[in-house]
Amino acid sequence: MDNKKKDLKERKKKTILMQPLELSLCVILVGIVGVTFTQVLFRYIFHLSLAWSEELARYLFLWLAALASAYAFKTRSHFALRFLVDRLGKRTQNLIRSLVTFIVSGFLAIFIWKSLEFTISMSKQVAPSTQMSMAVPYSSVVVGGALMLYYVLRNWWSDIRSEGKGNNKSQ
């Protein structure tokens, strides 16, 4: 009975932590559909063209792609070639997993750093139709990269801890 309560508490904790990213993805997707629908409605029913709608939909799509990539890291849904690694011993698998995590983390750290530099350099430029700072759409890459790095390291740490308990949950 105690394990069931602990499991339920752990699932509630995970659900609360998962919600912001998933909710953001849903809101952005609804926003893209809403903006695009509004543009179609205005163009074909009212014979007017909204100058800002295509631009806003494009920037929302950037955010959707960046956050969806982070979500894929979170759920370990990215494509992986495991057929060779799965044939190796447990210790070698753990070593390769740690090496891959190190390489991916290094790439993401450089990716975030360069994206941040670019975002800062573009912060004074404004979008033509919406007049928003170009730092807003470009910051999606920084935020998405930071979330990807967080989830890569979190998954790796979770794997290390579960290995210590003799119970590997990695996919």
N, C-alpha and C. Protein backbone atom coordinates (compact mmCIF):
# COMPACT_ATOMS: atom_id res chain seq x y z
N MET A 1 0.83 -1.20 0.00
CA MET A 1 0.00 0.00 0.00
C MET A 1 0.87 1.26 0.00
N ASP A 2 1.95 1.20 0.74
CA ASP A 2 2.85 2.34 0.84
C ASP A 2 3.50 2.65 -0.51
N ASN A 3 3.85 1.60 -1.27
CA ASN A 3 4.43 1.79 -2.61
C ASN A 3 3.44 2.43 -3.56
N LYS A 4 2.16 2.07 -3.46
CA LYS A 4 1.14 2.65 -4.33
C LYS A 4 0.99 4.14 -4.06
N LYS A 5 0.99 4.52 -2.80
CA LYS A 5 0.89 5.94 -2.44
C LYS A 5 2.11 6.70 -2.96
N LYS A 6 3.27 6.09 -2.80
CA LYS A 6 4.50 6.72 -3.27
C LYS A 6 4.48 6.87 -4.79
N ASP A 7 4.02 5.82 -5.50
CA ASP A 7 3.89 5.87 -6.96
C ASP A 7 2.93 6.97 -7.39
N LEU A 8 1.78 7.05 -6.73
CA LEU A 8 0.78 8.06 -7.06
C LEU A 8 1.34 9.46 -6.82
N LYS A 9 2.03 9.63 -5.71
CA LYS A 9 2.63 10.93 -5.40
C LYS A 9 3.67 11.31 -6.45
N GLU A 10 4.47 10.33 -6.86
CA GLU A 10 5.51 10.56 -7.88
C GLU A 10 4.88 10.92 -9.23
N ARG A 11 3.79 10.22 -9.60
CA ARG A 11 3.11 10.53 -10.87
C ARG A 11 2.49 11.91 -10.84
N LYS A 12 1.89 12.31 -9.71
CA LYS A 12 1.32 13.66 -9.59
C LYS A 12 2.42 14.70 -9.74
N LYS A 13 3.56 14.45 -9.10
CA LYS A 13 4.69 15.37 -9.19
C LYS A 13 5.15 15.50 -10.63
N LYS A 14 5.28 14.38 -11.33
CA LYS A 14 5.70 14.41 -12.73
C LYS A 14 4.67 15.12 -13.59
N THR A 15 3.39 14.89 -13.33
CA THR A 15 2.33 15.52 -14.11
C THR A 15 2.37 17.03 -13.94
N ILE A 16 2.55 17.49 -12.73
CA ILE A 16 2.61 18.93 -12.48
C ILE A 16 3.82 19.54 -13.19
N LEU A 17 4.95 18.83 -13.19
CA LEU A 17 6.15 19.34 -13.84
C LEU A 17 6.05 19.27 -15.36
N MET A 18 5.29 18.31 -15.88
CA MET A 18 5.18 18.16 -17.33
C MET A 18 4.23 19.18 -17.93
N GLN A 19 3.28 19.62 -17.19
CA GLN A 19 2.22 20.44 -17.76
C GLN A 19 2.67 21.72 -18.45
N PRO A 20 3.58 22.50 -17.92
CA PRO A 20 3.90 23.76 -18.60
C PRO A 20 4.37 23.59 -20.05
N LEU A 21 5.25 22.63 -20.30
CA LEU A 21 5.75 22.43 -21.66
C LEU A 21 4.63 21.93 -22.57
N GLU A 22 3.88 20.94 -22.12
CA GLU A 22 2.80 20.40 -22.94
C GLU A 22 1.71 21.46 -23.17
N LEU A 23 1.39 22.21 -22.13
CA LEU A 23 0.38 23.27 -22.26
C LEU A 23 0.86 24.34 -23.25
N SER A 24 2.13 24.70 -23.17
CA SER A 24 2.68 25.69 -24.11
C SER A 24 2.57 25.20 -25.55
N LEU A 25 2.89 23.93 -25.78
CA LEU A 25 2.78 23.37 -27.13
C LEU A 25 1.34 23.43 -27.63
N CYS A 26 0.40 23.09 -26.76
CA CYS A 26 -1.02 23.13 -27.16
C CYS A 26 -1.48 24.55 -27.46
N VAL A 27 -1.11 25.49 -26.61
CA VAL A 27 -1.52 26.88 -26.80
C VAL A 27 -0.92 27.43 -28.10
N ILE A 28 0.34 27.12 -28.36
CA ILE A 28 0.98 27.61 -29.59
C ILE A 28 0.31 27.01 -30.82
N LEU A 29 0.01 25.72 -30.77
CA LEU A 29 -0.66 25.07 -31.91
C LEU A 29 -2.04 25.68 -32.15
N VAL A 30 -2.79 25.90 -31.09
CA VAL A 30 -4.10 26.54 -31.23
C VAL A 30 -3.93 27.96 -31.78
N GLY A 31 -2.89 28.66 -31.33
CA GLY A 31 -2.60 30.00 -31.83
C GLY A 31 -2.32 30.00 -33.33
N ILE A 32 -1.51 29.05 -33.79
CA ILE A 32 -1.21 28.96 -35.22
C ILE A 32 -2.47 28.70 -36.02
N VAL A 33 -3.28 27.75 -35.55
CA VAL A 33 -4.53 27.43 -36.26
C VAL A 33 -5.47 28.64 -36.24
N GLY A 34 -5.58 29.31 -35.10
CA GLY A 34 -6.45 30.47 -34.99
C GLY A 34 -6.03 31.62 -35.89
N VAL A 35 -4.75 31.92 -35.90
CA VAL A 35 -4.24 33.02 -36.73
C VAL A 35 -4.41 32.69 -38.21
N THR A 36 -4.10 31.45 -38.58
CA THR A 36 -4.24 31.05 -39.98
C THR A 36 -5.70 31.05 -40.41
N PHE A 37 -6.58 30.55 -39.55
CA PHE A 37 -8.01 30.56 -39.85
C PHE A 37 -8.52 31.99 -40.01
N THR A 38 -8.08 32.88 -39.13
CA THR A 38 -8.48 34.29 -39.22
C THR A 38 -8.03 34.90 -40.54
N GLN A 39 -6.80 34.59 -40.96
CA GLN A 39 -6.29 35.11 -42.23
C GLN A 39 -7.13 34.61 -43.39
N VAL A 40 -7.46 33.31 -43.39
CA VAL A 40 -8.28 32.74 -44.47
C VAL A 40 -9.67 33.38 -44.46
N LEU A 41 -10.24 33.53 -43.28
CA LEU A 41 -11.56 34.14 -43.15
C LEU A 41 -11.56 35.56 -43.71
N PHE A 42 -10.59 36.36 -43.32
CA PHE A 42 -10.52 37.74 -43.79
C PHE A 42 -10.26 37.82 -45.29
N ARG A 43 -9.42 36.94 -45.80
CA ARG A 43 -9.07 36.99 -47.21
C ARG A 43 -10.23 36.57 -48.10
N TYR A 44 -10.92 35.49 -47.77
CA TYR A 44 -11.93 34.95 -48.68
C TYR A 44 -13.35 35.42 -48.38
N ILE A 45 -13.63 35.84 -47.17
CA ILE A 45 -14.98 36.30 -46.85
C ILE A 45 -15.07 37.82 -46.92
N PHE A 46 -14.11 38.49 -46.30
CA PHE A 46 -14.14 39.95 -46.26
C PHE A 46 -13.29 40.60 -47.34
N HIS A 47 -12.55 39.80 -48.10
CA HIS A 47 -11.67 40.29 -49.17
C HIS A 47 -10.66 41.32 -48.65
N LEU A 48 -10.16 41.06 -47.46
CA LEU A 48 -9.12 41.88 -46.84
C LEU A 48 -7.95 40.98 -46.48
N SER A 49 -6.77 41.54 -46.50
CA SER A 49 -5.60 40.76 -46.13
C SER A 49 -5.00 41.33 -44.85
N LEU A 50 -4.81 40.47 -43.87
CA LEU A 50 -4.18 40.90 -42.63
C LEU A 50 -2.66 40.80 -42.80
N ALA A 51 -1.99 41.90 -42.62
CA ALA A 51 -0.55 41.93 -42.86
C ALA A 51 0.23 41.15 -41.80
N TRP A 52 -0.26 41.09 -40.60
CA TRP A 52 0.48 40.51 -39.49
C TRP A 52 0.29 39.01 -39.31
N SER A 53 -0.75 38.43 -39.89
CA SER A 53 -1.11 37.05 -39.56
C SER A 53 -0.09 36.01 -40.03
N GLU A 54 0.40 36.16 -41.24
CA GLU A 54 1.38 35.18 -41.74
C GLU A 54 2.67 35.25 -40.94
N GLU A 55 3.09 36.46 -40.63
CA GLU A 55 4.31 36.65 -39.85
C GLU A 55 4.18 36.06 -38.45
N LEU A 56 3.05 36.32 -37.81
CA LEU A 56 2.83 35.79 -36.47
C LEU A 56 2.76 34.26 -36.48
N ALA A 57 2.08 33.69 -37.46
CA ALA A 57 2.00 32.23 -37.57
C ALA A 57 3.40 31.63 -37.77
N ARG A 58 4.22 32.28 -38.56
CA ARG A 58 5.59 31.80 -38.79
C ARG A 58 6.40 31.82 -37.50
N TYR A 59 6.28 32.89 -36.72
CA TYR A 59 7.04 32.99 -35.48
C TYR A 59 6.51 32.00 -34.44
N LEU A 60 5.21 31.80 -34.41
CA LEU A 60 4.64 30.78 -33.51
C LEU A 60 5.14 29.39 -33.90
N PHE A 61 5.29 29.15 -35.20
CA PHE A 61 5.79 27.85 -35.65
C PHE A 61 7.23 27.63 -35.20
N LEU A 62 8.04 28.69 -35.17
CA LEU A 62 9.41 28.57 -34.66
C LEU A 62 9.39 28.12 -33.20
N TRP A 63 8.52 28.73 -32.41
CA TRP A 63 8.40 28.35 -31.00
C TRP A 63 7.90 26.91 -30.87
N LEU A 64 6.95 26.54 -31.71
CA LEU A 64 6.42 25.18 -31.68
C LEU A 64 7.52 24.16 -31.97
N ALA A 65 8.31 24.41 -32.99
CA ALA A 65 9.39 23.49 -33.35
C ALA A 65 10.44 23.37 -32.24
N ALA A 66 10.81 24.49 -31.66
CA ALA A 66 11.83 24.48 -30.61
C ALA A 66 11.34 23.74 -29.36
N LEU A 67 10.12 24.04 -28.95
CA LEU A 67 9.58 23.39 -27.75
C LEU A 67 9.24 21.93 -28.00
N ALA A 68 8.80 21.61 -29.21
CA ALA A 68 8.50 20.20 -29.53
C ALA A 68 9.79 19.37 -29.55
N SER A 69 10.88 19.96 -29.98
CA SER A 69 12.17 19.25 -29.92
C SER A 69 12.56 18.96 -28.47
N ALA A 70 12.34 19.93 -27.61
CA ALA A 70 12.62 19.71 -26.19
C ALA A 70 11.71 18.62 -25.62
N TYR A 71 10.46 18.63 -26.04
CA TYR A 71 9.51 17.61 -25.58
C TYR A 71 9.95 16.22 -26.04
N ALA A 72 10.48 16.14 -27.25
CA ALA A 72 10.97 14.85 -27.76
C ALA A 72 12.16 14.36 -26.93
N PHE A 73 13.03 15.26 -26.51
CA PHE A 73 14.13 14.87 -25.63
C PHE A 73 13.58 14.41 -24.28
N LYS A 74 12.59 15.11 -23.81
CA LYS A 74 11.99 14.79 -22.51
C LYS A 74 11.41 13.38 -22.50
N THR A 75 10.72 13.03 -23.56
CA THR A 75 10.05 11.73 -23.63
C THR A 75 10.91 10.67 -24.31
N ARG A 76 12.14 11.03 -24.64
CA ARG A 76 13.08 10.12 -25.31
C ARG A 76 12.50 9.61 -26.63
N SER A 77 11.90 10.51 -27.37
CA SER A 77 11.24 10.15 -28.62
C SER A 77 12.10 10.40 -29.85
N HIS A 78 13.30 10.92 -29.67
CA HIS A 78 14.16 11.15 -30.81
C HIS A 78 14.64 9.83 -31.38
N PHE A 79 14.89 9.82 -32.65
CA PHE A 79 15.37 8.64 -33.36
C PHE A 79 16.73 8.21 -32.80
N ALA A 80 16.88 6.92 -32.57
CA ALA A 80 18.15 6.40 -32.06
C ALA A 80 18.46 5.06 -32.72
N LEU A 81 19.71 4.88 -33.07
CA LEU A 81 20.17 3.60 -33.62
C LEU A 81 20.72 2.77 -32.47
N ARG A 82 19.93 1.84 -32.00
CA ARG A 82 20.31 1.08 -30.82
C ARG A 82 20.64 -0.38 -31.11
N PHE A 83 20.44 -0.82 -32.34
CA PHE A 83 20.61 -2.24 -32.62
C PHE A 83 22.01 -2.76 -32.31
N LEU A 84 23.03 -1.93 -32.51
CA LEU A 84 24.40 -2.35 -32.22
C LEU A 84 24.69 -2.25 -30.72
N VAL A 85 24.29 -1.15 -30.12
CA VAL A 85 24.56 -0.92 -28.70
C VAL A 85 23.84 -1.96 -27.84
N ASP A 86 22.64 -2.36 -28.23
CA ASP A 86 21.88 -3.34 -27.45
C ASP A 86 22.55 -4.71 -27.39
N ARG A 87 23.46 -4.98 -28.30
CA ARG A 87 24.16 -6.27 -28.32
C ARG A 87 25.39 -6.27 -27.41
N LEU A 88 25.74 -5.12 -26.88
CA LEU A 88 26.92 -5.01 -26.03
C LEU A 88 26.55 -5.29 -24.58
N GLY A 89 27.56 -5.42 -23.75
CA GLY A 89 27.33 -5.65 -22.32
C GLY A 89 26.77 -4.41 -21.65
N LYS A 90 26.19 -4.60 -20.47
CA LYS A 90 25.54 -3.52 -19.73
C LYS A 90 26.53 -2.38 -19.42
N ARG A 91 27.71 -2.74 -19.01
CA ARG A 91 28.71 -1.72 -18.67
C ARG A 91 29.10 -0.89 -19.90
N THR A 92 29.28 -1.54 -21.04
CA THR A 92 29.62 -0.85 -22.28
C THR A 92 28.45 0.02 -22.74
N GLN A 93 27.23 -0.47 -22.59
CA GLN A 93 26.05 0.33 -22.94
C GLN A 93 26.01 1.61 -22.11
N ASN A 94 26.26 1.49 -20.82
CA ASN A 94 26.25 2.67 -19.94
C ASN A 94 27.35 3.65 -20.33
N LEU A 95 28.51 3.13 -20.69
CA LEU A 95 29.62 3.98 -21.11
C LEU A 95 29.26 4.73 -22.40
N ILE A 96 28.69 4.02 -23.36
CA ILE A 96 28.30 4.65 -24.63
C ILE A 96 27.20 5.68 -24.39
N ARG A 97 26.23 5.34 -23.54
CA ARG A 97 25.15 6.28 -23.22
C ARG A 97 25.71 7.56 -22.60
N SER A 98 26.67 7.41 -21.70
CA SER A 98 27.30 8.58 -21.07
C SER A 98 28.10 9.39 -22.08
N LEU A 99 28.80 8.71 -22.98
CA LEU A 99 29.57 9.39 -24.02
C LEU A 99 28.65 10.18 -24.95
N VAL A 100 27.56 9.56 -25.37
CA VAL A 100 26.59 10.25 -26.24
C VAL A 100 25.99 11.44 -25.51
N THR A 101 25.66 11.28 -24.24
CA THR A 101 25.12 12.39 -23.45
C THR A 101 26.13 13.53 -23.38
N PHE A 102 27.39 13.21 -23.18
CA PHE A 102 28.45 14.22 -23.12
C PHE A 102 28.55 14.97 -24.45
N ILE A 103 28.54 14.25 -25.56
CA ILE A 103 28.65 14.88 -26.89
C ILE A 103 27.43 15.75 -27.18
N VAL A 104 26.24 15.22 -26.93
CA VAL A 104 25.01 15.98 -27.18
C VAL A 104 24.96 17.21 -26.28
N SER A 105 25.34 17.06 -25.02
CA SER A 105 25.35 18.20 -24.09
C SER A 105 26.32 19.28 -24.54
N GLY A 106 27.50 18.87 -25.00
CA GLY A 106 28.47 19.83 -25.52
C GLY A 106 27.94 20.58 -26.73
N PHE A 107 27.34 19.83 -27.65
CA PHE A 107 26.75 20.47 -28.83
C PHE A 107 25.66 21.45 -28.42
N LEU A 108 24.77 21.03 -27.52
CA LEU A 108 23.67 21.90 -27.10
C LEU A 108 24.18 23.14 -26.36
N ALA A 109 25.23 22.99 -25.56
CA ALA A 109 25.80 24.15 -24.86
C ALA A 109 26.32 25.18 -25.86
N ILE A 110 27.06 24.73 -26.87
CA ILE A 110 27.55 25.64 -27.91
C ILE A 110 26.39 26.23 -28.70
N PHE A 111 25.41 25.41 -29.01
CA PHE A 111 24.21 25.83 -29.74
C PHE A 111 23.48 26.94 -28.98
N ILE A 112 23.30 26.76 -27.68
CA ILE A 112 22.62 27.77 -26.85
C ILE A 112 23.44 29.05 -26.81
N TRP A 113 24.73 28.93 -26.60
CA TRP A 113 25.62 30.09 -26.52
C TRP A 113 25.57 30.91 -27.80
N LYS A 114 25.73 30.26 -28.96
CA LYS A 114 25.72 30.97 -30.24
C LYS A 114 24.32 31.53 -30.54
N SER A 115 23.29 30.80 -30.18
CA SER A 115 21.92 31.28 -30.39
C SER A 115 21.65 32.52 -29.54
N LEU A 116 22.16 32.51 -28.32
CA LEU A 116 21.99 33.66 -27.44
C LEU A 116 22.72 34.88 -28.00
N GLU A 117 23.93 34.68 -28.49
CA GLU A 117 24.67 35.78 -29.11
C GLU A 117 23.89 36.37 -30.29
N PHE A 118 23.36 35.48 -31.14
CA PHE A 118 22.60 35.93 -32.30
C PHE A 118 21.32 36.65 -31.88
N THR A 119 20.62 36.10 -30.90
CA THR A 119 19.38 36.71 -30.42
C THR A 119 19.64 38.11 -29.89
N ILE A 120 20.70 38.27 -29.12
CA ILE A 120 21.05 39.58 -28.58
C ILE A 120 21.40 40.55 -29.71
N SER A 121 22.12 40.06 -30.72
CA SER A 121 22.51 40.94 -31.83
C SER A 121 21.30 41.38 -32.66
N MET A 122 20.24 40.61 -32.65
CA MET A 122 19.04 40.94 -33.43
C MET A 122 17.97 41.65 -32.61
N SER A 123 18.24 41.93 -31.35
CA SER A 123 17.21 42.47 -30.46
C SER A 123 16.72 43.87 -30.84
N LYS A 124 17.53 44.64 -31.53
CA LYS A 124 17.10 45.98 -31.93
C LYS A 124 16.32 45.99 -33.23
N GLN A 125 16.38 44.90 -33.96
CA GLN A 125 15.64 44.80 -35.22
C GLN A 125 14.18 44.44 -34.90
N VAL A 126 13.24 45.02 -35.67
CA VAL A 126 11.82 44.72 -35.45
C VAL A 126 11.23 44.05 -36.69
N ALA A 127 10.23 43.23 -36.44
CA ALA A 127 9.54 42.54 -37.53
C ALA A 127 8.71 43.55 -38.31
N PRO A 128 8.60 43.41 -39.63
CA PRO A 128 7.91 44.42 -40.43
C PRO A 128 6.42 44.58 -40.13
N SER A 129 5.70 43.51 -39.96
CA SER A 129 4.24 43.62 -39.78
C SER A 129 3.82 43.76 -38.33
N THR A 130 4.40 42.95 -37.46
CA THR A 130 3.97 42.96 -36.05
C THR A 130 4.71 43.99 -35.21
N GLN A 131 5.83 44.48 -35.70
CA GLN A 131 6.67 45.46 -35.00
C GLN A 131 7.23 44.92 -33.68
N MET A 132 7.27 43.61 -33.52
CA MET A 132 7.88 43.04 -32.32
C MET A 132 9.38 42.91 -32.53
N SER A 133 10.10 42.92 -31.44
CA SER A 133 11.55 42.74 -31.51
C SER A 133 11.84 41.35 -32.08
N MET A 134 12.83 41.27 -32.95
CA MET A 134 13.19 39.97 -33.52
C MET A 134 13.82 39.05 -32.48
N ALA A 135 14.11 39.59 -31.31
CA ALA A 135 14.62 38.74 -30.23
C ALA A 135 13.55 37.75 -29.77
N VAL A 136 12.27 38.11 -29.93
CA VAL A 136 11.18 37.22 -29.49
C VAL A 136 11.17 35.92 -30.29
N PRO A 137 11.10 35.96 -31.62
CA PRO A 137 11.12 34.67 -32.32
C PRO A 137 12.46 33.94 -32.22
N TYR A 138 13.57 34.69 -32.24
CA TYR A 138 14.88 34.04 -32.17
C TYR A 138 15.17 33.44 -30.80
N SER A 139 14.56 33.97 -29.77
CA SER A 139 14.78 33.41 -28.43
C SER A 139 14.17 32.02 -28.29
N SER A 140 13.30 31.65 -29.21
CA SER A 140 12.74 30.30 -29.18
C SER A 140 13.84 29.25 -29.29
N VAL A 141 14.87 29.56 -30.05
CA VAL A 141 15.99 28.63 -30.23
C VAL A 141 16.78 28.50 -28.92
N VAL A 142 16.96 29.61 -28.23
CA VAL A 142 17.68 29.60 -26.96
C VAL A 142 16.89 28.80 -25.92
N VAL A 143 15.61 29.10 -25.80
CA VAL A 143 14.76 28.41 -24.82
C VAL A 143 14.66 26.92 -25.15
N GLY A 144 14.40 26.61 -26.40
CA GLY A 144 14.32 25.21 -26.81
C GLY A 144 15.62 24.46 -26.56
N GLY A 145 16.74 25.08 -26.89
CA GLY A 145 18.05 24.47 -26.64
C GLY A 145 18.31 24.24 -25.16
N ALA A 146 17.96 25.22 -24.34
CA ALA A 146 18.16 25.08 -22.89
C ALA A 146 17.30 23.96 -22.33
N LEU A 147 16.07 23.87 -22.80
CA LEU A 147 15.20 22.78 -22.34
C LEU A 147 15.71 21.42 -22.82
N MET A 148 16.21 21.37 -24.06
CA MET A 148 16.78 20.11 -24.55
C MET A 148 17.96 19.68 -23.68
N LEU A 149 18.85 20.62 -23.37
CA LEU A 149 20.00 20.31 -22.53
C LEU A 149 19.55 19.82 -21.16
N TYR A 150 18.57 20.50 -20.60
CA TYR A 150 18.04 20.09 -19.29
C TYR A 150 17.52 18.65 -19.34
N TYR A 151 16.72 18.33 -20.36
CA TYR A 151 16.13 16.99 -20.43
C TYR A 151 17.17 15.91 -20.76
N VAL A 152 18.16 16.23 -21.56
CA VAL A 152 19.23 15.27 -21.83
C VAL A 152 19.95 14.91 -20.52
N LEU A 153 20.30 15.93 -19.76
CA LEU A 153 21.01 15.69 -18.50
C LEU A 153 20.10 15.03 -17.46
N ARG A 154 18.85 15.43 -17.42
CA ARG A 154 17.91 14.81 -16.47
C ARG A 154 17.71 13.33 -16.78
N ASN A 155 17.54 13.01 -18.06
CA ASN A 155 17.37 11.60 -18.45
C ASN A 155 18.62 10.79 -18.13
N TRP A 156 19.77 11.36 -18.39
CA TRP A 156 21.03 10.68 -18.10
C TRP A 156 21.16 10.42 -16.60
N TRP A 157 20.86 11.44 -15.80
CA TRP A 157 20.95 11.29 -14.35
C TRP A 157 19.94 10.25 -13.85
N SER A 158 18.76 10.25 -14.41
CA SER A 158 17.74 9.26 -14.05
C SER A 158 18.22 7.85 -14.38
N ASP A 159 18.87 7.70 -15.53
CA ASP A 159 19.42 6.39 -15.91
C ASP A 159 20.51 5.95 -14.95
N ILE A 160 21.37 6.88 -14.57
CA ILE A 160 22.46 6.56 -13.63
C ILE A 160 21.87 6.10 -12.30
N ARG A 161 20.89 6.83 -11.81
CA ARG A 161 20.26 6.48 -10.53
C ARG A 161 19.55 5.15 -10.60
N SER A 162 18.84 4.90 -11.70
CA SER A 162 18.12 3.63 -11.80
C SER A 162 19.09 2.46 -11.97
N GLU A 163 20.26 2.70 -12.58
CA GLU A 163 21.28 1.66 -12.69
C GLU A 163 21.81 1.30 -11.31
N GLY A 164 21.97 2.31 -10.48
CA GLY A 164 22.45 2.08 -9.12
C GLY A 164 21.48 1.24 -8.31
N LYS A 165 20.20 1.34 -8.65
CA LYS A 165 19.17 0.56 -7.96
C LYS A 165 18.97 -0.79 -8.63
N GLY A 166 19.67 -1.01 -9.76
CA GLY A 166 19.53 -2.28 -10.47
C GLY A 166 18.24 -2.40 -11.24
N ASN A 167 17.75 -1.25 -11.72
CA ASN A 167 16.43 -1.24 -12.35
C ASN A 167 16.47 -0.22 -13.48
N ASN A 168 16.88 -0.60 -14.67
CA ASN A 168 17.07 0.31 -15.80
C ASN A 168 15.75 0.59 -16.48
N LYS A 169 15.35 1.89 -16.51
CA LYS A 169 14.10 2.28 -17.14
C LYS A 169 14.32 2.95 -18.48
N SER A 170 15.56 3.03 -18.94
CA SER A 170 15.81 3.73 -20.21
C SER A 170 15.24 2.95 -21.37
N GLN A 171 14.91 3.69 -22.44
CA GLN A 171 14.29 3.06 -23.60
C GLN A 171 15.33 2.75 -24.63
